[in-house]
Amino acid sequence: MMYAVLSLGLALLGGGIRLAQMLRLSVPLLYGALVITVFRPWYLAHIALADGIFLVLVGLAVLSWMVTLVRVVWEMIW
């Protein structure tokens, strides 16, 4: 039973990581994971800066989605 739960958990984790890669959210998620684990004292001292960096990274991912969408629409028009 424990093996089945562990296998399912790892499969879901792998699927989540693959989805993050497809959505270009790997860098923001990696940053978030590192900040709350490895750099926790720095994060607690600079919460606004750390959150701002995270939001900029997510914003860049959204901007890349928009650029891709514009390119696809542009290709369809021409």
PDB file of N, CA and C in Angstrom:
ATOM      1  N   MET A   1       0.824  -1.192   0.000  1.00  0.00           N
ATOM      2  CA  MET A   1       0.000   0.000   0.000  1.00  0.00           C
ATOM      3  C   MET A   1       0.873   1.263   0.000  1.00  0.00           C
ATOM      4  N   MET A   2       1.907   1.241   0.829  1.00  0.00           N
ATOM      5  CA  MET A   2       2.797   2.398   0.906  1.00  0.00           C
ATOM      6  C   MET A   2       3.511   2.617  -0.423  1.00  0.00           C
ATOM      7  N   TYR A   3       3.866   1.523  -1.100  1.00  0.00           N
ATOM      8  CA  TYR A   3       4.528   1.623  -2.397  1.00  0.00           C
ATOM      9  C   TYR A   3       3.607   2.289  -3.416  1.00  0.00           C
ATOM     10  N   ALA A   4       2.328   1.948  -3.394  1.00  0.00           N
ATOM     11  CA  ALA A   4       1.367   2.533  -4.326  1.00  0.00           C
ATOM     12  C   ALA A   4       1.197   4.029  -4.075  1.00  0.00           C
ATOM     13  N   VAL A   5       1.122   4.416  -2.824  1.00  0.00           N
ATOM     14  CA  VAL A   5       0.976   5.832  -2.481  1.00  0.00           C
ATOM     15  C   VAL A   5       2.223   6.614  -2.889  1.00  0.00           C
ATOM     16  N   LEU A   6       3.389   6.044  -2.624  1.00  0.00           N
ATOM     17  CA  LEU A   6       4.640   6.693  -3.006  1.00  0.00           C
ATOM     18  C   LEU A   6       4.765   6.806  -4.520  1.00  0.00           C
ATOM     19  N   SER A   7       4.403   5.764  -5.230  1.00  0.00           N
ATOM     20  CA  SER A   7       4.464   5.788  -6.695  1.00  0.00           C
ATOM     21  C   SER A   7       3.508   6.825  -7.258  1.00  0.00           C
ATOM     22  N   LEU A   8       2.305   6.893  -6.727  1.00  0.00           N
ATOM     23  CA  LEU A   8       1.326   7.877  -7.189  1.00  0.00           C
ATOM     24  C   LEU A   8       1.803   9.295  -6.889  1.00  0.00           C
ATOM     25  N   GLY A   9       2.366   9.493  -5.713  1.00  0.00           N
ATOM     26  CA  GLY A   9       2.886  10.811  -5.351  1.00  0.00           C
ATOM     27  C   GLY A   9       4.013  11.262  -6.263  1.00  0.00           C
ATOM     28  N   LEU A  10       4.931  10.355  -6.570  1.00  0.00           N
ATOM     29  CA  LEU A  10       6.035  10.689  -7.462  1.00  0.00           C
ATOM     30  C   LEU A  10       5.542  10.944  -8.882  1.00  0.00           C
ATOM     31  N   ALA A  11       4.540  10.187  -9.316  1.00  0.00           N
ATOM     32  CA  ALA A  11       3.978  10.405 -10.654  1.00  0.00           C
ATOM     33  C   ALA A  11       3.308  11.781 -10.728  1.00  0.00           C
ATOM     34  N   LEU A  12       2.579  12.145  -9.703  1.00  0.00           N
ATOM     35  CA  LEU A  12       1.934  13.462  -9.675  1.00  0.00           C
ATOM     36  C   LEU A  12       2.965  14.588  -9.615  1.00  0.00           C
ATOM     37  N   LEU A  13       4.027  14.372  -8.852  1.00  0.00           N
ATOM     38  CA  LEU A  13       5.092  15.363  -8.781  1.00  0.00           C
ATOM     39  C   LEU A  13       5.765  15.536 -10.136  1.00  0.00           C
ATOM     40  N   GLY A  14       6.032  14.437 -10.801  1.00  0.00           N
ATOM     41  CA  GLY A  14       6.630  14.497 -12.132  1.00  0.00           C
ATOM     42  C   GLY A  14       5.717  15.201 -13.127  1.00  0.00           C
ATOM     43  N   GLY A  15       4.432  14.913 -13.052  1.00  0.00           N
ATOM     44  CA  GLY A  15       3.469  15.591 -13.921  1.00  0.00           C
ATOM     45  C   GLY A  15       3.394  17.079 -13.638  1.00  0.00           C
ATOM     46  N   GLY A  16       3.461  17.441 -12.376  1.00  0.00           N
ATOM     47  CA  GLY A  16       3.449  18.860 -12.008  1.00  0.00           C
ATOM     48  C   GLY A  16       4.684  19.594 -12.496  1.00  0.00           C
ATOM     49  N   ILE A  17       5.820  18.938 -12.399  1.00  0.00           N
ATOM     50  CA  ILE A  17       7.061  19.546 -12.887  1.00  0.00           C
ATOM     51  C   ILE A  17       7.013  19.701 -14.399  1.00  0.00           C
ATOM     52  N   ARG A  18       6.486  18.691 -15.084  1.00  0.00           N
ATOM     53  CA  ARG A  18       6.369  18.769 -16.552  1.00  0.00           C
ATOM     54  C   ARG A  18       5.420  19.901 -16.958  1.00  0.00           C
ATOM     55  N   LEU A  19       4.328  20.053 -16.233  1.00  0.00           N
ATOM     56  CA  LEU A  19       3.383  21.137 -16.511  1.00  0.00           C
ATOM     57  C   LEU A  19       4.037  22.496 -16.281  1.00  0.00           C
ATOM     58  N   ALA A  20       4.815  22.618 -15.238  1.00  0.00           N
ATOM     59  CA  ALA A  20       5.525  23.869 -14.965  1.00  0.00           C
ATOM     60  C   ALA A  20       6.510  24.192 -16.080  1.00  0.00           C
ATOM     61  N   GLN A  21       7.171  23.185 -16.613  1.00  0.00           N
ATOM     62  CA  GLN A  21       8.090  23.405 -17.725  1.00  0.00           C
ATOM     63  C   GLN A  21       7.344  23.862 -18.963  1.00  0.00           C
ATOM     64  N   MET A  22       6.207  23.241 -19.238  1.00  0.00           N
ATOM     65  CA  MET A  22       5.436  23.613 -20.421  1.00  0.00           C
ATOM     66  C   MET A  22       4.895  25.043 -20.311  1.00  0.00           C
ATOM     67  N   LEU A  23       4.555  25.459 -19.098  1.00  0.00           N
ATOM     68  CA  LEU A  23       4.028  26.811 -18.876  1.00  0.00           C
ATOM     69  C   LEU A  23       5.130  27.836 -18.621  1.00  0.00           C
ATOM     70  N   ARG A  24       6.382  27.404 -18.710  1.00  0.00           N
ATOM     71  CA  ARG A  24       7.557  28.251 -18.508  1.00  0.00           C
ATOM     72  C   ARG A  24       7.599  28.844 -17.100  1.00  0.00           C
ATOM     73  N   LEU A  25       7.192  28.054 -16.131  1.00  0.00           N
ATOM     74  CA  LEU A  25       7.204  28.503 -14.741  1.00  0.00           C
ATOM     75  C   LEU A  25       8.298  27.815 -13.919  1.00  0.00           C
ATOM     76  N   SER A  26       9.248  27.192 -14.591  1.00  0.00           N
ATOM     77  CA  SER A  26      10.301  26.476 -13.873  1.00  0.00           C
ATOM     78  C   SER A  26      11.163  27.414 -13.040  1.00  0.00           C
ATOM     79  N   VAL A  27      11.566  28.533 -13.623  1.00  0.00           N
ATOM     80  CA  VAL A  27      12.449  29.464 -12.908  1.00  0.00           C
ATOM     81  C   VAL A  27      11.735  30.086 -11.702  1.00  0.00           C
ATOM     82  N   PRO A  28      10.482  30.586 -11.843  1.00  0.00           N
ATOM     83  CA  PRO A  28       9.821  31.117 -10.643  1.00  0.00           C
ATOM     84  C   PRO A  28       9.611  30.068  -9.548  1.00  0.00           C
ATOM     85  N   LEU A  29       9.275  28.844  -9.929  1.00  0.00           N
ATOM     86  CA  LEU A  29       9.078  27.803  -8.923  1.00  0.00           C
ATOM     87  C   LEU A  29      10.387  27.407  -8.253  1.00  0.00           C
ATOM     88  N   LEU A  30      11.450  27.338  -9.031  1.00  0.00           N
ATOM     89  CA  LEU A  30      12.761  27.044  -8.450  1.00  0.00           C
ATOM     90  C   LEU A  30      13.188  28.157  -7.504  1.00  0.00           C
ATOM     91  N   TYR A  31      12.977  29.407  -7.909  1.00  0.00           N
ATOM     92  CA  TYR A  31      13.299  30.546  -7.042  1.00  0.00           C
ATOM     93  C   TYR A  31      12.498  30.469  -5.742  1.00  0.00           C
ATOM     94  N   GLY A  32      11.206  30.211  -5.869  1.00  0.00           N
ATOM     95  CA  GLY A  32      10.367  30.122  -4.677  1.00  0.00           C
ATOM     96  C   GLY A  32      10.802  29.015  -3.742  1.00  0.00           C
ATOM     97  N   ALA A  33      11.143  27.864  -4.305  1.00  0.00           N
ATOM     98  CA  ALA A  33      11.583  26.741  -3.473  1.00  0.00           C
ATOM     99  C   ALA A  33      12.907  27.044  -2.780  1.00  0.00           C
ATOM    100  N   LEU A  34      13.825  27.674  -3.498  1.00  0.00           N
ATOM    101  CA  LEU A  34      15.119  28.006  -2.884  1.00  0.00           C
ATOM    102  C   LEU A  34      14.988  29.079  -1.815  1.00  0.00           C
ATOM    103  N   VAL A  35      14.157  30.067  -2.077  1.00  0.00           N
ATOM    104  CA  VAL A  35      14.028  31.177  -1.120  1.00  0.00           C
ATOM    105  C   VAL A  35      13.420  30.706   0.193  1.00  0.00           C
ATOM    106  N   ILE A  36      12.384  29.850   0.122  1.00  0.00           N
ATOM    107  CA  ILE A  36      11.744  29.448   1.381  1.00  0.00           C
ATOM    108  C   ILE A  36      12.487  28.335   2.097  1.00  0.00           C
ATOM    109  N   THR A  37      13.481  27.731   1.448  1.00  0.00           N
ATOM    110  CA  THR A  37      14.236  26.671   2.131  1.00  0.00           C
ATOM    111  C   THR A  37      15.670  27.113   2.430  1.00  0.00           C
ATOM    112  N   VAL A  38      16.449  27.365   1.400  1.00  0.00           N
ATOM    113  CA  VAL A  38      17.871  27.648   1.574  1.00  0.00           C
ATOM    114  C   VAL A  38      18.114  29.064   2.091  1.00  0.00           C
ATOM    115  N   PHE A  39      17.405  30.030   1.528  1.00  0.00           N
ATOM    116  CA  PHE A  39      17.635  31.437   1.871  1.00  0.00           C
ATOM    117  C   PHE A  39      16.544  31.997   2.771  1.00  0.00           C
ATOM    118  N   ARG A  40      16.002  31.183   3.680  1.00  0.00           N
ATOM    119  CA  ARG A  40      14.912  31.619   4.547  1.00  0.00           C
ATOM    120  C   ARG A  40      15.280  32.828   5.422  1.00  0.00           C
ATOM    121  N   PRO A  41      16.448  32.873   6.033  1.00  0.00           N
ATOM    122  CA  PRO A  41      16.767  34.066   6.837  1.00  0.00           C
ATOM    123  C   PRO A  41      16.796  35.346   5.990  1.00  0.00           C
ATOM    124  N   TRP A  42      17.342  35.240   4.773  1.00  0.00           N
ATOM    125  CA  TRP A  42      17.351  36.408   3.882  1.00  0.00           C
ATOM    126  C   TRP A  42      15.930  36.782   3.500  1.00  0.00           C
ATOM    127  N   TYR A  43      15.091  35.792   3.227  1.00  0.00           N
ATOM    128  CA  TYR A  43      13.699  36.056   2.855  1.00  0.00           C
ATOM    129  C   TYR A  43      12.962  36.768   3.982  1.00  0.00           C
ATOM    130  N   LEU A  44      13.153  36.304   5.207  1.00  0.00           N
ATOM    131  CA  LEU A  44      12.456  36.926   6.336  1.00  0.00           C
ATOM    132  C   LEU A  44      12.931  38.358   6.580  1.00  0.00           C
ATOM    133  N   ALA A  45      14.171  38.657   6.216  1.00  0.00           N
ATOM    134  CA  ALA A  45      14.691  40.017   6.384  1.00  0.00           C
ATOM    135  C   ALA A  45      14.286  40.931   5.234  1.00  0.00           C
ATOM    136  N   HIS A  46      13.985  40.364   4.068  1.00  0.00           N
ATOM    137  CA  HIS A  46      13.687  41.163   2.870  1.00  0.00           C
ATOM    138  C   HIS A  46      12.440  40.635   2.166  1.00  0.00           C
ATOM    139  N   ILE A  47      11.345  40.569   2.868  1.00  0.00           N
ATOM    140  CA  ILE A  47      10.128  39.958   2.334  1.00  0.00           C
ATOM    141  C   ILE A  47       9.629  40.699   1.094  1.00  0.00           C
ATOM    142  N   ALA A  48       9.566  42.007   1.144  1.00  0.00           N
ATOM    143  CA  ALA A  48       9.039  42.776   0.014  1.00  0.00           C
ATOM    144  C   ALA A  48       9.905  42.596  -1.231  1.00  0.00           C
ATOM    145  N   LEU A  49      11.213  42.625  -1.065  1.00  0.00           N
ATOM    146  CA  LEU A  49      12.112  42.438  -2.200  1.00  0.00           C
ATOM    147  C   LEU A  49      11.973  41.034  -2.787  1.00  0.00           C
ATOM    148  N   ALA A  50      11.946  40.022  -1.933  1.00  0.00           N
ATOM    149  CA  ALA A  50      11.838  38.639  -2.411  1.00  0.00           C
ATOM    150  C   ALA A  50      10.514  38.411  -3.138  1.00  0.00           C
ATOM    151  N   ASP A  51       9.433  38.936  -2.594  1.00  0.00           N
ATOM    152  CA  ASP A  51       8.136  38.797  -3.255  1.00  0.00           C
ATOM    153  C   ASP A  51       8.101  39.564  -4.569  1.00  0.00           C
ATOM    154  N   GLY A  52       8.750  40.706  -4.594  1.00  0.00           N
ATOM    155  CA  GLY A  52       8.824  41.476  -5.830  1.00  0.00           C
ATOM    156  C   GLY A  52       9.589  40.736  -6.910  1.00  0.00           C
ATOM    157  N   ILE A  53      10.685  40.114  -6.543  1.00  0.00           N
ATOM    158  CA  ILE A  53      11.460  39.328  -7.513  1.00  0.00           C
ATOM    159  C   ILE A  53      10.617  38.175  -8.039  1.00  0.00           C
ATOM    160  N   PHE A  54       9.898  37.516  -7.155  1.00  0.00           N
ATOM    161  CA  PHE A  54       9.045  36.410  -7.586  1.00  0.00           C
ATOM    162  C   PHE A  54       7.967  36.896  -8.550  1.00  0.00           C
ATOM    163  N   LEU A  55       7.348  38.016  -8.242  1.00  0.00           N
ATOM    164  CA  LEU A  55       6.308  38.540  -9.127  1.00  0.00           C
ATOM    165  C   LEU A  55       6.877  38.970 -10.472  1.00  0.00           C
ATOM    166  N   VAL A  56       8.081  39.502 -10.496  1.00  0.00           N
ATOM    167  CA  VAL A  56       8.724  39.853 -11.768  1.00  0.00           C
ATOM    168  C   VAL A  56       8.975  38.598 -12.596  1.00  0.00           C
ATOM    169  N   LEU A  57       9.435  37.533 -11.961  1.00  0.00           N
ATOM    170  CA  LEU A  57       9.673  36.285 -12.686  1.00  0.00           C
ATOM    171  C   LEU A  57       8.377  35.716 -13.262  1.00  0.00           C
ATOM    172  N   VAL A  58       7.321  35.747 -12.483  1.00  0.00           N
ATOM    173  CA  VAL A  58       6.024  35.269 -12.986  1.00  0.00           C
ATOM    174  C   VAL A  58       5.525  36.195 -14.096  1.00  0.00           C
ATOM    175  N   GLY A  59       5.719  37.496 -13.933  1.00  0.00           N
ATOM    176  CA  GLY A  59       5.330  38.442 -14.975  1.00  0.00           C
ATOM    177  C   GLY A  59       6.075  38.208 -16.277  1.00  0.00           C
ATOM    178  N   LEU A  60       7.350  37.873 -16.192  1.00  0.00           N
ATOM    179  CA  LEU A  60       8.107  37.557 -17.406  1.00  0.00           C
ATOM    180  C   LEU A  60       7.576  36.295 -18.074  1.00  0.00           C
ATOM    181  N   ALA A  61       7.159  35.323 -17.292  1.00  0.00           N
ATOM    182  CA  ALA A  61       6.567  34.111 -17.869  1.00  0.00           C
ATOM    183  C   ALA A  61       5.259  34.450 -18.579  1.00  0.00           C
ATOM    184  N   VAL A  62       4.438  35.288 -17.962  1.00  0.00           N
ATOM    185  CA  VAL A  62       3.180  35.709 -18.588  1.00  0.00           C
ATOM    186  C   VAL A  62       3.460  36.511 -19.852  1.00  0.00           C
ATOM    187  N   LEU A  63       4.469  37.354 -19.815  1.00  0.00           N
ATOM    188  CA  LEU A  63       4.847  38.118 -21.008  1.00  0.00           C
ATOM    189  C   LEU A  63       5.273  37.178 -22.134  1.00  0.00           C
ATOM    190  N   SER A  64       5.993  36.124 -21.807  1.00  0.00           N
ATOM    191  CA  SER A  64       6.396  35.172 -22.844  1.00  0.00           C
ATOM    192  C   SER A  64       5.182  34.446 -23.418  1.00  0.00           C
ATOM    193  N   TRP A  65       4.161  34.175 -22.573  1.00  0.00           N
ATOM    194  CA  TRP A  65       2.933  33.572 -23.093  1.00  0.00           C
ATOM    195  C   TRP A  65       2.257  34.519 -24.075  1.00  0.00           C
ATOM    196  N   MET A  66       2.222  35.799 -23.715  1.00  0.00           N
ATOM    197  CA  MET A  66       1.561  36.784 -24.577  1.00  0.00           C
ATOM    198  C   MET A  66       2.300  36.923 -25.908  1.00  0.00           C
ATOM    199  N   VAL A  67       3.625  36.945 -25.875  1.00  0.00           N
ATOM    200  CA  VAL A  67       4.409  37.040 -27.105  1.00  0.00           C
ATOM    201  C   VAL A  67       4.148  35.825 -27.986  1.00  0.00           C
ATOM    202  N   THR A  68       4.099  34.651 -27.390  1.00  0.00           N
ATOM    203  CA  THR A  68       3.819  33.443 -28.149  1.00  0.00           C
ATOM    204  C   THR A  68       2.427  33.498 -28.761  1.00  0.00           C
ATOM    205  N   LEU A  69       1.448  33.964 -27.995  1.00  0.00           N
ATOM    206  CA  LEU A  69       0.079  34.078 -28.504  1.00  0.00           C
ATOM    207  C   LEU A  69       0.006  35.060 -29.660  1.00  0.00           C
ATOM    208  N   VAL A  70       0.690  36.193 -29.554  1.00  0.00           N
ATOM    209  CA  VAL A  70       0.701  37.173 -30.636  1.00  0.00           C
ATOM    210  C   VAL A  70       1.362  36.585 -31.879  1.00  0.00           C
ATOM    211  N   ARG A  71       2.440  35.846 -31.710  1.00  0.00           N
ATOM    212  CA  ARG A  71       3.105  35.222 -32.855  1.00  0.00           C
ATOM    213  C   ARG A  71       2.205  34.210 -33.542  1.00  0.00           C
ATOM    214  N   VAL A  72       1.491  33.409 -32.764  1.00  0.00           N
ATOM    215  CA  VAL A  72       0.594  32.404 -33.348  1.00  0.00           C
ATOM    216  C   VAL A  72      -0.526  33.093 -34.119  1.00  0.00           C
ATOM    217  N   VAL A  73      -1.115  34.127 -33.530  1.00  0.00           N
ATOM    218  CA  VAL A  73      -2.179  34.857 -34.211  1.00  0.00           C
ATOM    219  C   VAL A  73      -1.634  35.528 -35.462  1.00  0.00           C
ATOM    220  N   TRP A  74      -0.456  36.098 -35.379  1.00  0.00           N
ATOM    221  CA  TRP A  74       0.174  36.754 -36.520  1.00  0.00           C
ATOM    222  C   TRP A  74       0.411  35.761 -37.664  1.00  0.00           C
ATOM    223  N   GLU A  75       0.877  34.549 -37.303  1.00  0.00           N
ATOM    224  CA  GLU A  75       1.092  33.517 -38.312  1.00  0.00           C
ATOM    225  C   GLU A  75      -0.231  33.080 -38.955  1.00  0.00           C
ATOM    226  N   MET A  76      -1.283  33.028 -38.169  1.00  0.00           N
ATOM    227  CA  MET A  76      -2.593  32.620 -38.711  1.00  0.00           C
ATOM    228  C   MET A  76      -3.144  33.679 -39.663  1.00  0.00           C
ATOM    229  N   ILE A  77      -2.888  34.959 -39.339  1.00  0.00           N
ATOM    230  CA  ILE A  77      -3.395  36.033 -40.197  1.00  0.00           C
ATOM    231  C   ILE A  77      -2.642  36.039 -41.515  1.00  0.00           C
ATOM    232  N   TRP A  78      -1.345  35.896 -41.486  1.00  0.00           N
ATOM    233  CA  TRP A  78      -0.563  35.934 -42.706  1.00  0.00           C
ATOM    234  C   TRP A  78      -0.435  34.556 -43.212  1.00  0.00           C
TER     235      TRP A  78
END
